[in-house]
Amino acid sequence: MNANWVAGGDGEDGTFQIMVVTEDGEKHVMSPSPASTAALIVVARADTDLVWDPVDRTLIAANIVGRMPWTERPQPAVLSVGVEVDPTDRASNPAQGL
């Protein structure tokens, strides 16, 4: 998401333009009010997942509180290497004897 602000005259709010770029590279532009832009920036900066519905021009903010299962991303696998330790050998097993 990107935001541009075009200043208005003295005492005017100016104009915001928000561009949402979806994972497929599609660009969608909207011009919300300054108050809506401020709220949008707060939601976008939070630990939320944003989904854009271009047909209905709706931005969905998921995971405001809690986590929705459909927003979970696969975590990279962690490789563990097992090391055999003689449980009676204090040199190879410092925890032995605790």
PDB file of N, CA and C in Angstrom:
ATOM      1  N   MET A   1       0.851  -1.163   0.000  1.00  0.00           N
ATOM      2  CA  MET A   1       0.000   0.000   0.000  1.00  0.00           C
ATOM      3  C   MET A   1       0.902   1.233   0.000  1.00  0.00           C
ATOM      4  N   ASN A   2       0.559   2.196  -0.830  1.00  0.00           N
ATOM      5  CA  ASN A   2       1.276   3.457  -0.915  1.00  0.00           C
ATOM      6  C   ASN A   2       0.275   4.589  -0.771  1.00  0.00           C
ATOM      7  N   ALA A   3       0.730   5.715  -0.232  1.00  0.00           N
ATOM      8  CA  ALA A   3      -0.153   6.875  -0.087  1.00  0.00           C
ATOM      9  C   ALA A   3       0.568   8.119  -0.587  1.00  0.00           C
ATOM     10  N   ASN A   4      -0.160   8.923  -1.338  1.00  0.00           N
ATOM     11  CA  ASN A   4       0.327  10.236  -1.773  1.00  0.00           C
ATOM     12  C   ASN A   4      -0.638  11.281  -1.244  1.00  0.00           C
ATOM     13  N   TRP A   5      -0.095  12.420  -0.873  1.00  0.00           N
ATOM     14  CA  TRP A   5      -0.928  13.527  -0.406  1.00  0.00           C
ATOM     15  C   TRP A   5      -0.611  14.744  -1.247  1.00  0.00           C
ATOM     16  N   VAL A   6      -1.649  15.330  -1.811  1.00  0.00           N
ATOM     17  CA  VAL A   6      -1.510  16.560  -2.588  1.00  0.00           C
ATOM     18  C   VAL A   6      -2.064  17.680  -1.720  1.00  0.00           C
ATOM     19  N   ALA A   7      -1.221  18.629  -1.365  1.00  0.00           N
ATOM     20  CA  ALA A   7      -1.625  19.706  -0.470  1.00  0.00           C
ATOM     21  C   ALA A   7      -2.720  20.556  -1.105  1.00  0.00           C
ATOM     22  N   GLY A   8      -3.657  20.986  -0.265  1.00  0.00           N
ATOM     23  CA  GLY A   8      -4.686  21.920  -0.710  1.00  0.00           C
ATOM     24  C   GLY A   8      -4.237  23.339  -0.411  1.00  0.00           C
ATOM     25  N   GLY A   9      -5.114  24.268  -0.617  1.00  0.00           N
ATOM     26  CA  GLY A   9      -4.810  25.659  -0.286  1.00  0.00           C
ATOM     27  C   GLY A   9      -4.763  25.839   1.224  1.00  0.00           C
ATOM     28  N   ASP A  10      -4.379  26.998   1.677  1.00  0.00           N
ATOM     29  CA  ASP A  10      -4.332  27.282   3.111  1.00  0.00           C
ATOM     30  C   ASP A  10      -5.688  26.979   3.752  1.00  0.00           C
ATOM     31  N   GLY A  11      -5.658  26.204   4.825  1.00  0.00           N
ATOM     32  CA  GLY A  11      -6.882  25.846   5.536  1.00  0.00           C
ATOM     33  C   GLY A  11      -7.648  24.688   4.930  1.00  0.00           C
ATOM     34  N   GLU A  12      -7.154  24.125   3.846  1.00  0.00           N
ATOM     35  CA  GLU A  12      -7.822  22.982   3.213  1.00  0.00           C
ATOM     36  C   GLU A  12      -7.070  21.699   3.547  1.00  0.00           C
ATOM     37  N   ASP A  13      -7.797  20.572   3.514  1.00  0.00           N
ATOM     38  CA  ASP A  13      -7.202  19.277   3.868  1.00  0.00           C
ATOM     39  C   ASP A  13      -6.282  18.719   2.798  1.00  0.00           C
ATOM     40  N   GLY A  14      -6.482  19.071   1.568  1.00  0.00           N
ATOM     41  CA  GLY A  14      -5.731  18.449   0.492  1.00  0.00           C
ATOM     42  C   GLY A  14      -6.395  17.144   0.089  1.00  0.00           C
ATOM     43  N   THR A  15      -5.724  16.387  -0.766  1.00  0.00           N
ATOM     44  CA  THR A  15      -6.281  15.142  -1.298  1.00  0.00           C
ATOM     45  C   THR A  15      -5.300  14.005  -1.101  1.00  0.00           C
ATOM     46  N   PHE A  16      -5.812  12.880  -0.612  1.00  0.00           N
ATOM     47  CA  PHE A  16      -5.004  11.672  -0.491  1.00  0.00           C
ATOM     48  C   PHE A  16      -5.336  10.730  -1.631  1.00  0.00           C
ATOM     49  N   GLN A  17      -4.326  10.038  -2.103  1.00  0.00           N
ATOM     50  CA  GLN A  17      -4.511   8.966  -3.074  1.00  0.00           C
ATOM     51  C   GLN A  17      -3.801   7.736  -2.518  1.00  0.00           C
ATOM     52  N   ILE A  18      -4.541   6.666  -2.379  1.00  0.00           N
ATOM     53  CA  ILE A  18      -4.006   5.410  -1.865  1.00  0.00           C
ATOM     54  C   ILE A  18      -3.918   4.425  -3.027  1.00  0.00           C
ATOM     55  N   MET A  19      -2.775   3.758  -3.153  1.00  0.00           N
ATOM     56  CA  MET A  19      -2.640   2.694  -4.140  1.00  0.00           C
ATOM     57  C   MET A  19      -2.410   1.384  -3.401  1.00  0.00           C
ATOM     58  N   VAL A  20      -3.238   0.411  -3.701  1.00  0.00           N
ATOM     59  CA  VAL A  20      -3.090  -0.936  -3.154  1.00  0.00           C
ATOM     60  C   VAL A  20      -2.557  -1.803  -4.279  1.00  0.00           C
ATOM     61  N   VAL A  21      -1.440  -2.471  -4.033  1.00  0.00           N
ATOM     62  CA  VAL A  21      -0.867  -3.405  -5.003  1.00  0.00           C
ATOM     63  C   VAL A  21      -1.064  -4.801  -4.428  1.00  0.00           C
ATOM     64  N   THR A  22      -1.823  -5.617  -5.133  1.00  0.00           N
ATOM     65  CA  THR A  22      -2.128  -6.961  -4.653  1.00  0.00           C
ATOM     66  C   THR A  22      -0.994  -7.924  -5.006  1.00  0.00           C
ATOM     67  N   GLU A  23      -1.038  -9.128  -4.427  1.00  0.00           N
ATOM     68  CA  GLU A  23       0.027 -10.106  -4.650  1.00  0.00           C
ATOM     69  C   GLU A  23       0.202 -10.459  -6.126  1.00  0.00           C
ATOM     70  N   ASP A  24      -0.860 -10.325  -6.914  1.00  0.00           N
ATOM     71  CA  ASP A  24      -0.760 -10.643  -8.339  1.00  0.00           C
ATOM     72  C   ASP A  24      -0.282  -9.450  -9.171  1.00  0.00           C
ATOM     73  N   GLY A  25       0.107  -8.348  -8.502  1.00  0.00           N
ATOM     74  CA  GLY A  25       0.657  -7.183  -9.189  1.00  0.00           C
ATOM     75  C   GLY A  25      -0.377  -6.168  -9.658  1.00  0.00           C
ATOM     76  N   GLU A  26      -1.652  -6.446  -9.444  1.00  0.00           N
ATOM     77  CA  GLU A  26      -2.696  -5.504  -9.832  1.00  0.00           C
ATOM     78  C   GLU A  26      -2.616  -4.253  -8.961  1.00  0.00           C
ATOM     79  N   LYS A  27      -2.833  -3.078  -9.573  1.00  0.00           N
ATOM     80  CA  LYS A  27      -2.805  -1.806  -8.847  1.00  0.00           C
ATOM     81  C   LYS A  27      -4.218  -1.236  -8.790  1.00  0.00           C
ATOM     82  N   HIS A  28      -4.626  -0.805  -7.605  1.00  0.00           N
ATOM     83  CA  HIS A  28      -5.954  -0.243  -7.384  1.00  0.00           C
ATOM     84  C   HIS A  28      -5.770   1.090  -6.670  1.00  0.00           C
ATOM     85  N   VAL A  29      -6.384   2.155  -7.200  1.00  0.00           N
ATOM     86  CA  VAL A  29      -6.222   3.501  -6.658  1.00  0.00           C
ATOM     87  C   VAL A  29      -7.557   3.999  -6.129  1.00  0.00           C
ATOM     88  N   MET A  30      -7.508   4.658  -4.975  1.00  0.00           N
ATOM     89  CA  MET A  30      -8.704   5.255  -4.378  1.00  0.00           C
ATOM     90  C   MET A  30      -8.326   6.576  -3.735  1.00  0.00           C
ATOM     91  N   SER A  31      -9.299   7.427  -3.496  1.00  0.00           N
ATOM     92  CA  SER A  31      -9.055   8.734  -2.877  1.00  0.00           C
ATOM     93  C   SER A  31      -9.955   8.903  -1.655  1.00  0.00           C
ATOM     94  N   PRO A  32      -9.567   8.317  -0.512  1.00  0.00           N
ATOM     95  CA  PRO A  32     -10.383   8.457   0.686  1.00  0.00           C
ATOM     96  C   PRO A  32     -10.225   9.845   1.319  1.00  0.00           C
ATOM     97  N   SER A  33     -11.131  10.156   2.221  1.00  0.00           N
ATOM     98  CA  SER A  33     -11.043  11.422   2.955  1.00  0.00           C
ATOM     99  C   SER A  33      -9.806  11.395   3.852  1.00  0.00           C
ATOM    100  N   PRO A  34      -9.352  12.563   4.320  1.00  0.00           N
ATOM    101  CA  PRO A  34      -8.215  12.590   5.247  1.00  0.00           C
ATOM    102  C   PRO A  34      -8.469  11.754   6.512  1.00  0.00           C
ATOM    103  N   ALA A  35      -9.676  11.803   7.059  1.00  0.00           N
ATOM    104  CA  ALA A  35      -9.979  11.007   8.263  1.00  0.00           C
ATOM    105  C   ALA A  35      -9.922   9.516   7.953  1.00  0.00           C
ATOM    106  N   SER A  36     -10.477   9.104   6.821  1.00  0.00           N
ATOM    107  CA  SER A  36     -10.420   7.690   6.440  1.00  0.00           C
ATOM    108  C   SER A  36      -8.983   7.256   6.173  1.00  0.00           C
ATOM    109  N   THR A  37      -8.190   8.131   5.582  1.00  0.00           N
ATOM    110  CA  THR A  37      -6.787   7.809   5.318  1.00  0.00           C
ATOM    111  C   THR A  37      -6.035   7.592   6.623  1.00  0.00           C
ATOM    112  N   ALA A  38      -6.273   8.440   7.609  1.00  0.00           N
ATOM    113  CA  ALA A  38      -5.613   8.289   8.913  1.00  0.00           C
ATOM    114  C   ALA A  38      -5.976   6.945   9.539  1.00  0.00           C
ATOM    115  N   ALA A  39      -7.251   6.579   9.505  1.00  0.00           N
ATOM    116  CA  ALA A  39      -7.687   5.294  10.065  1.00  0.00           C
ATOM    117  C   ALA A  39      -7.071   4.140   9.281  1.00  0.00           C
ATOM    118  N   LEU A  40      -7.016   4.263   7.976  1.00  0.00           N
ATOM    119  CA  LEU A  40      -6.441   3.220   7.136  1.00  0.00           C
ATOM    120  C   LEU A  40      -4.968   2.997   7.445  1.00  0.00           C
ATOM    121  N   ILE A  41      -4.238   4.074   7.652  1.00  0.00           N
ATOM    122  CA  ILE A  41      -2.813   3.958   7.979  1.00  0.00           C
ATOM    123  C   ILE A  41      -2.626   3.251   9.319  1.00  0.00           C
ATOM    124  N   VAL A  42      -3.461   3.555  10.294  1.00  0.00           N
ATOM    125  CA  VAL A  42      -3.367   2.892  11.601  1.00  0.00           C
ATOM    126  C   VAL A  42      -3.602   1.396  11.444  1.00  0.00           C
ATOM    127  N   VAL A  43      -4.636   1.013  10.710  1.00  0.00           N
ATOM    128  CA  VAL A  43      -4.939  -0.407  10.521  1.00  0.00           C
ATOM    129  C   VAL A  43      -3.823  -1.100   9.742  1.00  0.00           C
ATOM    130  N   ALA A  44      -3.294  -0.435   8.730  1.00  0.00           N
ATOM    131  CA  ALA A  44      -2.241  -1.038   7.911  1.00  0.00           C
ATOM    132  C   ALA A  44      -0.958  -1.233   8.698  1.00  0.00           C
ATOM    133  N   ARG A  45      -0.667  -0.353   9.652  1.00  0.00           N
ATOM    134  CA  ARG A  45       0.563  -0.456  10.450  1.00  0.00           C
ATOM    135  C   ARG A  45       0.441  -1.464  11.587  1.00  0.00           C
ATOM    136  N   ALA A  46      -0.784  -1.843  11.940  1.00  0.00           N
ATOM    137  CA  ALA A  46      -0.999  -2.815  13.011  1.00  0.00           C
ATOM    138  C   ALA A  46      -0.650  -4.210  12.491  1.00  0.00           C
ATOM    139  N   ASP A  47      -0.649  -5.166  13.394  1.00  0.00           N
ATOM    140  CA  ASP A  47      -0.351  -6.553  13.026  1.00  0.00           C
ATOM    141  C   ASP A  47      -1.613  -7.195  12.448  1.00  0.00           C
ATOM    142  N   THR A  48      -2.022  -6.705  11.268  1.00  0.00           N
ATOM    143  CA  THR A  48      -3.226  -7.197  10.607  1.00  0.00           C
ATOM    144  C   THR A  48      -2.865  -7.713   9.220  1.00  0.00           C
ATOM    145  N   ASP A  49      -3.777  -8.466   8.647  1.00  0.00           N
ATOM    146  CA  ASP A  49      -3.662  -8.878   7.260  1.00  0.00           C
ATOM    147  C   ASP A  49      -4.738  -8.128   6.488  1.00  0.00           C
ATOM    148  N   LEU A  50      -4.343  -7.456   5.406  1.00  0.00           N
ATOM    149  CA  LEU A  50      -5.283  -6.682   4.606  1.00  0.00           C
ATOM    150  C   LEU A  50      -5.576  -7.427   3.312  1.00  0.00           C
ATOM    151  N   VAL A  51      -6.867  -7.500   2.975  1.00  0.00           N
ATOM    152  CA  VAL A  51      -7.307  -8.161   1.755  1.00  0.00           C
ATOM    153  C   VAL A  51      -8.158  -7.171   0.983  1.00  0.00           C
ATOM    154  N   TRP A  52      -7.838  -6.950  -0.288  1.00  0.00           N
ATOM    155  CA  TRP A  52      -8.570  -5.993  -1.116  1.00  0.00           C
ATOM    156  C   TRP A  52      -9.557  -6.743  -2.007  1.00  0.00           C
ATOM    157  N   ASP A  53     -10.819  -6.342  -1.967  1.00  0.00           N
ATOM    158  CA  ASP A  53     -11.866  -6.875  -2.841  1.00  0.00           C
ATOM    159  C   ASP A  53     -12.136  -5.813  -3.904  1.00  0.00           C
ATOM    160  N   PRO A  54     -11.544  -5.954  -5.105  1.00  0.00           N
ATOM    161  CA  PRO A  54     -11.673  -4.903  -6.113  1.00  0.00           C
ATOM    162  C   PRO A  54     -13.094  -4.757  -6.663  1.00  0.00           C
ATOM    163  N   VAL A  55     -13.865  -5.829  -6.677  1.00  0.00           N
ATOM    164  CA  VAL A  55     -15.226  -5.750  -7.220  1.00  0.00           C
ATOM    165  C   VAL A  55     -16.090  -4.840  -6.362  1.00  0.00           C
ATOM    166  N   ASP A  56     -16.032  -5.033  -5.042  1.00  0.00           N
ATOM    167  CA  ASP A  56     -16.834  -4.221  -4.120  1.00  0.00           C
ATOM    168  C   ASP A  56     -16.072  -3.025  -3.567  1.00  0.00           C
ATOM    169  N   ARG A  57     -14.796  -2.839  -4.012  1.00  0.00           N
ATOM    170  CA  ARG A  57     -13.938  -1.761  -3.504  1.00  0.00           C
ATOM    171  C   ARG A  57     -13.940  -1.752  -1.981  1.00  0.00           C
ATOM    172  N   THR A  58     -13.648  -2.919  -1.417  1.00  0.00           N
ATOM    173  CA  THR A  58     -13.667  -3.105   0.029  1.00  0.00           C
ATOM    174  C   THR A  58     -12.304  -3.588   0.497  1.00  0.00           C
ATOM    175  N   LEU A  59     -11.762  -2.934   1.513  1.00  0.00           N
ATOM    176  CA  LEU A  59     -10.521  -3.373   2.130  1.00  0.00           C
ATOM    177  C   LEU A  59     -10.886  -4.081   3.424  1.00  0.00           C
ATOM    178  N   ILE A  60     -10.502  -5.338   3.532  1.00  0.00           N
ATOM    179  CA  ILE A  60     -10.824  -6.158   4.691  1.00  0.00           C
ATOM    180  C   ILE A  60      -9.581  -6.230   5.571  1.00  0.00           C
ATOM    181  N   ALA A  61      -9.733  -5.892   6.837  1.00  0.00           N
ATOM    182  CA  ALA A  61      -8.632  -5.989   7.803  1.00  0.00           C
ATOM    183  C   ALA A  61      -8.911  -7.188   8.697  1.00  0.00           C
ATOM    184  N   ALA A  62      -8.094  -8.219   8.568  1.00  0.00           N
ATOM    185  CA  ALA A  62      -8.254  -9.432   9.367  1.00  0.00           C
ATOM    186  C   ALA A  62      -7.216  -9.447  10.483  1.00  0.00           C
ATOM    187  N   ASN A  63      -7.516 -10.174  11.531  1.00  0.00           N
ATOM    188  CA  ASN A  63      -6.596 -10.389  12.653  1.00  0.00           C
ATOM    189  C   ASN A  63      -6.363  -9.131  13.479  1.00  0.00           C
ATOM    190  N   ILE A  64      -7.389  -8.319  13.631  1.00  0.00           N
ATOM    191  CA  ILE A  64      -7.272  -7.158  14.509  1.00  0.00           C
ATOM    192  C   ILE A  64      -7.085  -7.642  15.939  1.00  0.00           C
ATOM    193  N   VAL A  65      -7.851  -8.653  16.326  1.00  0.00           N
ATOM    194  CA  VAL A  65      -7.696  -9.338  17.610  1.00  0.00           C
ATOM    195  C   VAL A  65      -7.734 -10.828  17.303  1.00  0.00           C
ATOM    196  N   GLY A  66      -6.698 -11.559  17.682  1.00  0.00           N
ATOM    197  CA  GLY A  66      -6.636 -12.992  17.388  1.00  0.00           C
ATOM    198  C   GLY A  66      -6.128 -13.243  15.976  1.00  0.00           C
ATOM    199  N   ARG A  67      -6.146 -14.512  15.582  1.00  0.00           N
ATOM    200  CA  ARG A  67      -5.657 -14.901  14.256  1.00  0.00           C
ATOM    201  C   ARG A  67      -6.712 -15.753  13.566  1.00  0.00           C
ATOM    202  N   MET A  68      -7.009 -15.435  12.326  1.00  0.00           N
ATOM    203  CA  MET A  68      -7.905 -16.253  11.514  1.00  0.00           C
ATOM    204  C   MET A  68      -7.063 -17.333  10.847  1.00  0.00           C
ATOM    205  N   PRO A  69      -7.503 -18.601  10.884  1.00  0.00           N
ATOM    206  CA  PRO A  69      -6.692 -19.690  10.301  1.00  0.00           C
ATOM    207  C   PRO A  69      -6.333 -19.470   8.831  1.00  0.00           C
ATOM    208  N   TRP A  70      -7.207 -18.857   8.050  1.00  0.00           N
ATOM    209  CA  TRP A  70      -6.935 -18.686   6.622  1.00  0.00           C
ATOM    210  C   TRP A  70      -5.853 -17.659   6.341  1.00  0.00           C
ATOM    211  N   THR A  71      -5.413 -16.928   7.369  1.00  0.00           N
ATOM    212  CA  THR A  71      -4.352 -15.939   7.163  1.00  0.00           C
ATOM    213  C   THR A  71      -2.984 -16.459   7.582  1.00  0.00           C
ATOM    214  N   GLU A  72      -2.931 -17.649   8.149  1.00  0.00           N
ATOM    215  CA  GLU A  72      -1.649 -18.197   8.602  1.00  0.00           C
ATOM    216  C   GLU A  72      -0.761 -18.512   7.401  1.00  0.00           C
ATOM    217  N   ARG A  73       0.467 -18.103   7.499  1.00  0.00           N
ATOM    218  CA  ARG A  73       1.435 -18.384   6.443  1.00  0.00           C
ATOM    219  C   ARG A  73       2.254 -19.594   6.856  1.00  0.00           C
ATOM    220  N   PRO A  74       2.618 -20.451   5.898  1.00  0.00           N
ATOM    221  CA  PRO A  74       3.463 -21.594   6.264  1.00  0.00           C
ATOM    222  C   PRO A  74       4.805 -21.128   6.803  1.00  0.00           C
ATOM    223  N   GLN A  75       5.228 -21.738   7.883  1.00  0.00           N
ATOM    224  CA  GLN A  75       6.515 -21.408   8.477  1.00  0.00           C
ATOM    225  C   GLN A  75       7.594 -22.274   7.853  1.00  0.00           C
ATOM    226  N   PRO A  76       8.796 -21.743   7.669  1.00  0.00           N
ATOM    227  CA  PRO A  76       9.866 -22.561   7.102  1.00  0.00           C
ATOM    228  C   PRO A  76      10.215 -23.701   8.048  1.00  0.00           C
ATOM    229  N   ALA A  77      10.577 -24.821   7.464  1.00  0.00           N
ATOM    230  CA  ALA A  77      10.943 -25.992   8.265  1.00  0.00           C
ATOM    231  C   ALA A  77      12.274 -25.740   8.963  1.00  0.00           C
ATOM    232  N   VAL A  78      12.381 -26.241  10.176  1.00  0.00           N
ATOM    233  CA  VAL A  78      13.615 -26.122  10.947  1.00  0.00           C
ATOM    234  C   VAL A  78      14.251 -27.497  11.001  1.00  0.00           C
ATOM    235  N   LEU A  79      15.490 -27.565  10.596  1.00  0.00           N
ATOM    236  CA  LEU A  79      16.207 -28.825  10.583  1.00  0.00           C
ATOM    237  C   LEU A  79      16.896 -29.016  11.925  1.00  0.00           C
ATOM    238  N   SER A  80      16.590 -30.136  12.577  1.00  0.00           N
ATOM    239  CA  SER A  80      17.252 -30.462  13.842  1.00  0.00           C
ATOM    240  C   SER A  80      18.214 -31.604  13.592  1.00  0.00           C
ATOM    241  N   VAL A  81      19.382 -31.474  14.136  1.00  0.00           N
ATOM    242  CA  VAL A  81      20.381 -32.527  14.011  1.00  0.00           C
ATOM    243  C   VAL A  81      20.544 -33.165  15.374  1.00  0.00           C
ATOM    244  N   GLY A  82      20.278 -34.458  15.454  1.00  0.00           N
ATOM    245  CA  GLY A  82      20.402 -35.165  16.722  1.00  0.00           C
ATOM    246  C   GLY A  82      21.846 -35.531  17.006  1.00  0.00           C
ATOM    247  N   VAL A  83      22.243 -35.413  18.235  1.00  0.00           N
ATOM    248  CA  VAL A  83      23.582 -35.787  18.659  1.00  0.00           C
ATOM    249  C   VAL A  83      23.427 -36.804  19.758  1.00  0.00           C
ATOM    250  N   GLU A  84      24.039 -37.961  19.555  1.00  0.00           N
ATOM    251  CA  GLU A  84      23.959 -38.984  20.587  1.00  0.00           C
ATOM    252  C   GLU A  84      24.928 -38.645  21.708  1.00  0.00           C
ATOM    253  N   VAL A  85      24.441 -38.774  22.937  1.00  0.00           N
ATOM    254  CA  VAL A  85      25.239 -38.449  24.105  1.00  0.00           C
ATOM    255  C   VAL A  85      25.201 -39.635  25.058  1.00  0.00           C
ATOM    256  N   ASP A  86      26.349 -39.987  25.597  1.00  0.00           N
ATOM    257  CA  ASP A  86      26.408 -41.036  26.620  1.00  0.00           C
ATOM    258  C   ASP A  86      25.907 -40.423  27.920  1.00  0.00           C
ATOM    259  N   PRO A  87      24.753 -40.880  28.442  1.00  0.00           N
ATOM    260  CA  PRO A  87      24.180 -40.251  29.635  1.00  0.00           C
ATOM    261  C   PRO A  87      25.043 -40.389  30.881  1.00  0.00           C
ATOM    262  N   THR A  88      26.005 -41.290  30.872  1.00  0.00           N
ATOM    263  CA  THR A  88      26.853 -41.455  32.054  1.00  0.00           C
ATOM    264  C   THR A  88      28.165 -40.689  31.945  1.00  0.00           C
ATOM    265  N   ASP A  89      28.446 -40.074  30.800  1.00  0.00           N
ATOM    266  CA  ASP A  89      29.696 -39.375  30.574  1.00  0.00           C
ATOM    267  C   ASP A  89      29.498 -37.882  30.825  1.00  0.00           C
ATOM    268  N   ARG A  90      30.067 -37.350  31.904  1.00  0.00           N
ATOM    269  CA  ARG A  90      29.911 -35.929  32.239  1.00  0.00           C
ATOM    270  C   ARG A  90      30.565 -35.016  31.209  1.00  0.00           C
ATOM    271  N   ALA A  91      31.572 -35.461  30.533  1.00  0.00           N
ATOM    272  CA  ALA A  91      32.254 -34.632  29.528  1.00  0.00           C
ATOM    273  C   ALA A  91      31.331 -34.384  28.317  1.00  0.00           C
ATOM    274  N   SER A  92      30.574 -35.399  27.921  1.00  0.00           N
ATOM    275  CA  SER A  92      29.710 -35.238  26.756  1.00  0.00           C
ATOM    276  C   SER A  92      28.280 -34.869  27.139  1.00  0.00           C
ATOM    277  N   ASN A  93      27.950 -34.908  28.436  1.00  0.00           N
ATOM    278  CA  ASN A  93      26.603 -34.584  28.891  1.00  0.00           C
ATOM    279  C   ASN A  93      26.672 -33.746  30.140  1.00  0.00           C
ATOM    280  N   PRO A  94      26.843 -32.419  29.993  1.00  0.00           N
ATOM    281  CA  PRO A  94      26.991 -31.541  31.146  1.00  0.00           C
ATOM    282  C   PRO A  94      25.785 -31.561  32.074  1.00  0.00           C
ATOM    283  N   ALA A  95      24.603 -31.938  31.580  1.00  0.00           N
ATOM    284  CA  ALA A  95      23.412 -31.946  32.429  1.00  0.00           C
ATOM    285  C   ALA A  95      23.410 -33.152  33.365  1.00  0.00           C
ATOM    286  N   GLN A  96      24.224 -34.163  33.080  1.00  0.00           N
ATOM    287  CA  GLN A  96      24.264 -35.354  33.938  1.00  0.00           C
ATOM    288  C   GLN A  96      24.804 -34.968  35.305  1.00  0.00           C
ATOM    289  N   GLY A  97      24.166 -35.379  36.287  1.00  0.00           N
ATOM    290  CA  GLY A  97      24.586 -35.073  37.646  1.00  0.00           C
ATOM    291  C   GLY A  97      23.861 -33.883  38.241  1.00  0.00           C
ATOM    292  N   LEU A  98      22.990 -33.218  37.475  1.00  0.00           N
ATOM    293  CA  LEU A  98      22.219 -32.100  38.030  1.00  0.00           C
ATOM    294  C   LEU A  98      21.066 -32.613  38.855  1.00  0.00           C
TER     295      LEU A  98
END
